[in-house]
């Protein structure tokens, strides 16, 4: 039994294996480490059917399951970990698990729910207060995001009527609004029908217009992880109209995407001035 290198760490709900005060270490051995960063098993519509799916058809992957054996060095560390790993029954209640190393440069995150926290309270473990804990987390989208967000601000010095700038996804997978893209628009005067458009290198685009929405000075429009646009605490999804390269004026079309490479972003409104920011994460 040994420890991972110093550059390898994971952090979950404030418990960080690189923080001595957490009392947690990564368990490392020849056949032990963080698993689940590879691709989950592929499934098809014909799996277990004709030729066991070899003919083809729709294909997808199941949820990603991350597994890591941890060492708790004290009773308090064990109980804190046990508390953090309690079930989160709501499917949308995924929280960021951050990690560093494991073939990925810098810090990255996945959005997960805990699915396993297993340990044995043997006499020797209890006496020595050293516990081996098998932990697992399930990630619905299975995507790895950069921990650091790139931020593009507009109108912070002088409010604007429109703003155009470039954002980039340095990863290899397509990010979606919410986890990969966060939008905030603050009305500086009465603002009507704000809109945000993403244009991509492959000539695809997503234009989201909050048609008919009127904001008074100081009100803030946000689109964050849960994909529910809000002005303050009020949900305003009824105002959303989306147009893309394949459809226009939809109330239920796709929101912004962030494919690998650069994308041009345009923020504007039918009338009024505003400030705000767009935050993005690269995706693998």
Protein backbone atom coordinates (compact mmCIF):
# COMPACT_ATOMS: atom_id res chain seq x y z
CA UNK A 1 0.00 0.00 0.00
CA UNK A 2 1.23 3.51 -0.80
CA UNK A 3 0.25 7.03 -1.63
CA UNK A 4 -0.34 8.68 -4.96
CA UNK A 5 2.13 11.34 -6.04
CA UNK A 6 1.65 14.80 -4.55
CA UNK A 7 0.21 16.13 -7.82
CA UNK A 8 -2.71 13.67 -7.69
CA UNK A 9 -5.65 14.61 -5.51
CA UNK A 10 -9.42 14.63 -5.39
CA UNK A 11 -11.81 16.96 -3.58
CA UNK A 12 -15.47 16.32 -2.73
CA UNK A 13 -17.73 18.73 -0.83
CA UNK A 14 -14.81 20.38 0.93
CA UNK A 15 -12.91 17.17 1.72
CA UNK A 16 -9.57 17.32 -0.09
CA UNK A 17 -6.99 14.53 -0.05
CA UNK A 18 -4.25 17.17 -0.43
CA UNK A 19 -5.37 18.91 2.75
CA UNK A 20 -3.79 17.39 5.87
CA UNK A 21 -6.67 18.65 8.02
CA UNK A 22 -9.14 16.47 6.09
CA UNK A 23 -7.42 13.32 7.37
CA UNK A 24 -7.91 11.62 3.99
CA UNK A 25 -5.35 10.07 1.63
CA UNK A 26 -5.58 8.43 -1.76
CA UNK A 27 -4.99 4.67 -1.60
CA UNK A 28 -2.37 3.64 -4.16
CA UNK A 29 -1.23 0.18 -5.12
CA UNK A 30 -0.29 -1.65 -8.30
CA UNK A 31 -3.95 -2.28 -9.16
CA UNK A 32 -5.55 0.64 -7.31
CA UNK A 33 -6.24 4.18 -8.42
CA UNK A 34 -8.98 6.45 -9.72
CA UNK A 35 -11.09 4.52 -12.21
CA UNK A 36 -13.94 5.77 -14.37
CA UNK A 37 -12.19 8.49 -16.38
CA UNK A 38 -12.21 6.14 -19.36
CA UNK A 39 -15.37 5.70 -21.45
CA UNK A 40 -18.30 3.71 -20.03
CA UNK A 41 -19.46 0.60 -21.86
CA UNK A 42 -21.15 1.28 -25.18
CA UNK A 43 -24.76 0.22 -25.66
CA UNK A 44 -26.84 -0.03 -28.85
CA UNK A 45 -30.51 -0.50 -29.63
CA UNK A 46 -29.66 -4.06 -30.69
CA UNK A 47 -27.52 -5.08 -27.73
CA UNK A 48 -28.52 -8.60 -26.73
CA UNK A 49 -30.55 -8.70 -29.95
CA UNK A 50 -29.59 -9.72 -33.46
CA UNK A 51 -25.91 -10.61 -33.57
CA UNK A 52 -25.59 -9.10 -30.10
CA UNK A 53 -25.70 -5.58 -31.51
CA UNK A 54 -23.03 -6.10 -34.16
CA UNK A 55 -25.40 -5.02 -36.95
CA UNK A 56 -25.39 -1.42 -35.75
CA UNK A 57 -27.98 1.16 -34.83
CA UNK A 58 -28.20 3.94 -32.29
CA UNK A 59 -25.27 3.87 -29.87
CA UNK A 60 -24.70 5.54 -26.54
CA UNK A 61 -22.74 5.16 -23.32
CA UNK A 62 -24.09 4.59 -19.87
CA UNK A 63 -23.41 6.83 -16.91
CA UNK A 64 -19.77 7.14 -15.89
CA UNK A 65 -18.88 5.65 -12.51
CA UNK A 66 -15.77 6.94 -10.74
CA UNK A 67 -14.22 4.73 -8.09
CA UNK A 68 -11.44 5.55 -5.65
CA UNK A 69 -10.23 3.84 -2.49
CA UNK A 70 -9.45 6.33 0.28
CA UNK A 71 -7.69 6.08 3.62
CA UNK A 72 -9.27 7.85 6.58
CA UNK A 73 -6.65 8.53 9.25
CA UNK A 74 -8.97 9.42 12.12
CA UNK A 75 -12.47 8.67 13.35
CA UNK A 76 -13.51 12.23 12.52
CA UNK A 77 -12.19 11.89 8.97
CA UNK A 78 -14.18 8.69 8.50
CA UNK A 79 -17.40 10.19 9.83
CA UNK A 80 -16.99 13.38 7.76
CA UNK A 81 -16.48 11.29 4.64
CA UNK A 82 -19.48 9.13 5.49
CA UNK A 83 -21.62 12.25 5.85
CA UNK A 84 -20.42 13.70 2.53
CA UNK A 85 -21.18 10.44 0.72
CA UNK A 86 -24.82 10.18 1.77
CA UNK A 87 -27.30 9.59 -1.09
CA UNK A 88 -28.52 12.49 -3.19
CA UNK A 89 -31.74 11.02 -4.63
CA UNK A 90 -32.59 13.85 -7.04
CA UNK A 91 -31.03 13.13 -10.47
CA UNK A 92 -30.32 16.84 -10.99
CA UNK A 93 -28.49 17.14 -7.66
CA UNK A 94 -25.04 16.45 -9.08
CA UNK A 95 -22.17 18.28 -7.40
CA UNK A 96 -18.62 18.93 -8.62
CA UNK A 97 -15.94 16.36 -7.81
CA UNK A 98 -12.62 18.03 -8.57
CA UNK A 99 -9.36 16.24 -9.22
CA UNK A 100 -5.80 16.98 -10.26
CA UNK A 101 -3.46 14.66 -12.11
CA UNK A 102 -4.56 11.21 -13.36
CA UNK A 103 -3.37 12.07 -16.93
CA UNK A 104 -5.19 15.41 -16.94
CA UNK A 105 -3.16 18.62 -16.63
CA UNK A 106 -4.20 21.12 -13.98
CA UNK A 107 -7.50 20.88 -12.07
CA UNK A 108 -10.65 19.42 -13.58
CA UNK A 109 -14.14 18.49 -12.41
CA UNK A 110 -17.00 16.12 -13.07
CA UNK A 111 -20.57 16.57 -11.88
CA UNK A 112 -21.51 13.53 -9.81
CA UNK A 113 -23.67 11.97 -7.11
CA UNK A 114 -22.21 9.53 -4.55
CA UNK A 115 -23.11 5.90 -5.17
CA UNK A 116 -20.86 3.95 -2.75
CA UNK A 117 -19.20 4.47 0.62
CA UNK A 118 -18.10 1.11 1.99
CA UNK A 119 -15.74 0.32 4.86
CA UNK A 120 -15.24 -2.33 7.55
CA UNK A 121 -14.88 -1.41 11.21
CA UNK A 122 -12.44 -4.16 12.12
CA UNK A 123 -10.82 -4.27 15.52
CA UNK A 124 -7.42 -3.35 14.13
CA UNK A 125 -8.84 -0.45 12.08
CA UNK A 126 -10.79 0.92 15.04
CA UNK A 127 -7.84 0.58 17.39
CA UNK A 128 -5.43 2.27 15.00
CA UNK A 129 -7.97 4.73 13.58
CA UNK A 130 -6.92 3.95 10.02
CA UNK A 131 -9.82 3.00 7.78
CA UNK A 132 -9.88 1.89 4.15
CA UNK A 133 -12.97 3.26 2.40
CA UNK A 134 -14.22 2.30 -1.06
CA UNK A 135 -15.96 5.29 -2.65
CA UNK A 136 -17.81 5.68 -5.94
CA UNK A 137 -19.61 8.51 -7.69
CA UNK A 138 -21.92 8.44 -10.72
CA UNK A 139 -21.76 11.11 -13.43
CA UNK A 140 -24.75 11.36 -15.77
CA UNK A 141 -23.02 13.16 -18.64
CA UNK A 142 -19.58 11.62 -18.04
CA UNK A 143 -17.86 14.81 -19.20
CA UNK A 144 -14.69 16.24 -17.69
CA UNK A 145 -14.63 20.04 -17.32
CA UNK A 146 -11.78 22.41 -16.64
CA UNK A 147 -11.98 23.63 -13.06
CA UNK A 148 -10.95 27.13 -14.10
CA UNK A 149 -13.57 29.22 -15.88
CA UNK A 150 -12.60 31.65 -18.64
CA UNK A 151 -14.46 34.94 -18.15
CA UNK A 152 -15.39 37.53 -20.77
CA UNK A 153 -16.92 40.71 -19.33
CA UNK A 154 -18.74 43.52 -21.10
CA UNK A 155 -20.12 46.91 -20.15
CA UNK A 156 -18.38 46.98 -16.76
CA UNK A 157 -16.86 50.43 -17.29
CA UNK A 158 -19.41 51.89 -19.69
CA UNK A 159 -22.76 50.12 -20.25
CA UNK A 160 -23.20 48.83 -23.80
CA UNK A 161 -26.02 48.22 -26.27
CA UNK A 162 -24.21 45.23 -27.78
CA UNK A 163 -21.01 43.26 -27.21
CA UNK A 164 -19.04 40.83 -29.39
CA UNK A 165 -16.14 38.67 -28.22
CA UNK A 166 -14.53 35.25 -28.65
CA UNK A 167 -14.60 32.29 -26.30
CA UNK A 168 -12.71 29.01 -26.63
CA UNK A 169 -13.08 25.37 -25.67
CA UNK A 170 -9.56 23.94 -25.36
CA UNK A 171 -10.93 20.44 -24.77
CA UNK A 172 -11.98 17.70 -27.16
CA UNK A 173 -15.73 17.38 -26.48
CA UNK A 174 -18.80 19.60 -26.93
CA UNK A 175 -19.91 21.58 -23.89
CA UNK A 176 -23.49 22.62 -23.22
CA UNK A 177 -25.14 25.65 -21.68
CA UNK A 178 -25.18 25.45 -17.91
CA UNK A 179 -22.08 23.51 -16.95
CA UNK A 180 -19.84 24.71 -19.78
CA UNK A 181 -21.48 28.12 -20.33
CA UNK A 182 -22.75 30.58 -17.74
CA UNK A 183 -24.39 33.87 -18.75
CA UNK A 184 -25.14 36.97 -16.67
CA UNK A 185 -26.69 40.20 -18.00
CA UNK A 186 -27.34 43.21 -15.75
CA UNK A 187 -29.73 45.88 -17.01
CA UNK A 188 -28.25 49.39 -16.63
CA UNK A 189 -31.36 51.05 -18.08
CA UNK A 190 -34.74 49.59 -18.98
CA UNK A 191 -33.76 46.57 -21.09
CA UNK A 192 -36.03 44.68 -23.50
CA UNK A 193 -35.63 41.33 -25.25
CA UNK A 194 -31.95 40.63 -24.52
CA UNK A 195 -30.32 37.93 -26.66
CA UNK A 196 -27.10 35.92 -26.78
CA UNK A 197 -25.76 34.25 -29.93
CA UNK A 198 -22.91 31.72 -30.26
CA UNK A 199 -21.38 31.26 -33.75
CA UNK A 200 -19.05 28.28 -34.22
CA UNK A 201 -16.23 27.42 -36.61
CA UNK A 202 -18.35 24.83 -38.44
CA UNK A 203 -21.01 27.48 -39.30
CA UNK A 204 -23.49 26.19 -36.71
CA UNK A 205 -24.97 28.66 -34.24
CA UNK A 206 -27.41 29.07 -31.36
CA UNK A 207 -29.34 32.30 -30.80
CA UNK A 208 -31.30 32.57 -27.56
CA UNK A 209 -33.65 35.55 -27.33
CA UNK A 210 -35.67 36.44 -24.25
CA UNK A 211 -38.47 37.72 -26.41
CA UNK A 212 -40.74 40.27 -24.71
CA UNK A 213 -38.78 40.24 -21.46
CA UNK A 214 -38.48 43.71 -19.91
CA UNK A 215 -35.93 44.34 -17.17
CA UNK A 216 -35.64 47.50 -15.10
CA UNK A 217 -32.29 49.04 -14.23
CA UNK A 218 -30.39 46.87 -11.75
CA UNK A 219 -32.21 43.61 -12.50
CA UNK A 220 -29.99 40.65 -13.35
CA UNK A 221 -30.66 37.84 -15.86
CA UNK A 222 -28.72 34.63 -15.26
CA UNK A 223 -28.45 31.21 -16.92
CA UNK A 224 -26.47 28.77 -14.77
CA UNK A 225 -26.09 25.05 -14.04
CA UNK A 226 -29.78 24.20 -13.84
CA UNK A 227 -30.52 25.83 -17.25
CA UNK A 228 -33.41 27.79 -15.76
CA UNK A 229 -33.05 31.45 -16.79
CA UNK A 230 -33.88 33.77 -13.92
CA UNK A 231 -34.31 37.47 -13.32
CA UNK A 232 -33.40 37.61 -9.67
CA UNK A 233 -35.14 34.53 -8.27
CA UNK A 234 -37.98 34.54 -10.81
CA UNK A 235 -37.78 31.89 -13.54
CA UNK A 236 -38.31 33.48 -16.98
CA UNK A 237 -38.01 30.43 -19.25
CA UNK A 238 -41.38 31.31 -20.84
CA UNK A 239 -39.68 34.19 -22.67
CA UNK A 240 -37.04 31.98 -24.30
CA UNK A 241 -37.04 31.63 -28.09
CA UNK A 242 -34.17 29.77 -29.77
CA UNK A 243 -32.93 29.82 -33.34
CA UNK A 244 -30.18 27.57 -34.71
CA UNK A 245 -28.76 26.54 -38.06
CA UNK A 246 -31.54 23.91 -38.33
CA UNK A 247 -34.59 25.64 -36.79
CA UNK A 248 -35.82 29.09 -35.77
CA UNK A 249 -38.20 30.55 -33.24
CA UNK A 250 -38.50 27.41 -31.14
CA UNK A 251 -39.59 27.53 -27.51
CA UNK A 252 -37.79 24.24 -26.81
CA UNK A 253 -34.77 24.33 -29.12
CA UNK A 254 -31.20 23.73 -28.09
CA UNK A 255 -29.47 26.30 -25.97
CA UNK A 256 -25.87 27.36 -26.49
CA UNK A 257 -23.19 24.80 -27.22
CA UNK A 258 -19.41 25.06 -26.99
CA UNK A 259 -17.63 22.75 -29.46
CA UNK A 260 -13.83 22.45 -29.45
CA UNK A 261 -12.12 25.53 -30.82
CA UNK A 262 -13.17 29.16 -30.89
CA UNK A 263 -16.73 30.55 -30.95
CA UNK A 264 -17.89 34.13 -31.48
CA UNK A 265 -20.43 35.46 -28.97
CA UNK A 266 -22.77 38.40 -29.57
CA UNK A 267 -24.86 39.88 -26.76
CA UNK A 268 -27.49 42.46 -27.64
CA UNK A 269 -31.03 43.65 -26.88
CA UNK A 270 -33.97 45.28 -28.63
CA UNK A 271 -33.43 48.39 -26.50
CA UNK A 272 -31.50 49.54 -23.45
CA UNK A 273 -27.97 49.22 -22.09
CA UNK A 274 -26.43 46.49 -20.02
CA UNK A 275 -23.30 44.91 -18.57
CA UNK A 276 -22.42 41.36 -17.65
CA UNK A 277 -20.23 38.36 -18.39
CA UNK A 278 -20.05 34.97 -20.08
CA UNK A 279 -18.08 32.23 -18.32
CA UNK A 280 -16.96 29.05 -20.08
CA UNK A 281 -15.23 25.78 -19.24
CA UNK A 282 -13.28 23.53 -21.61
CA UNK A 283 -14.69 20.02 -21.94
CA UNK A 284 -13.29 16.52 -22.46
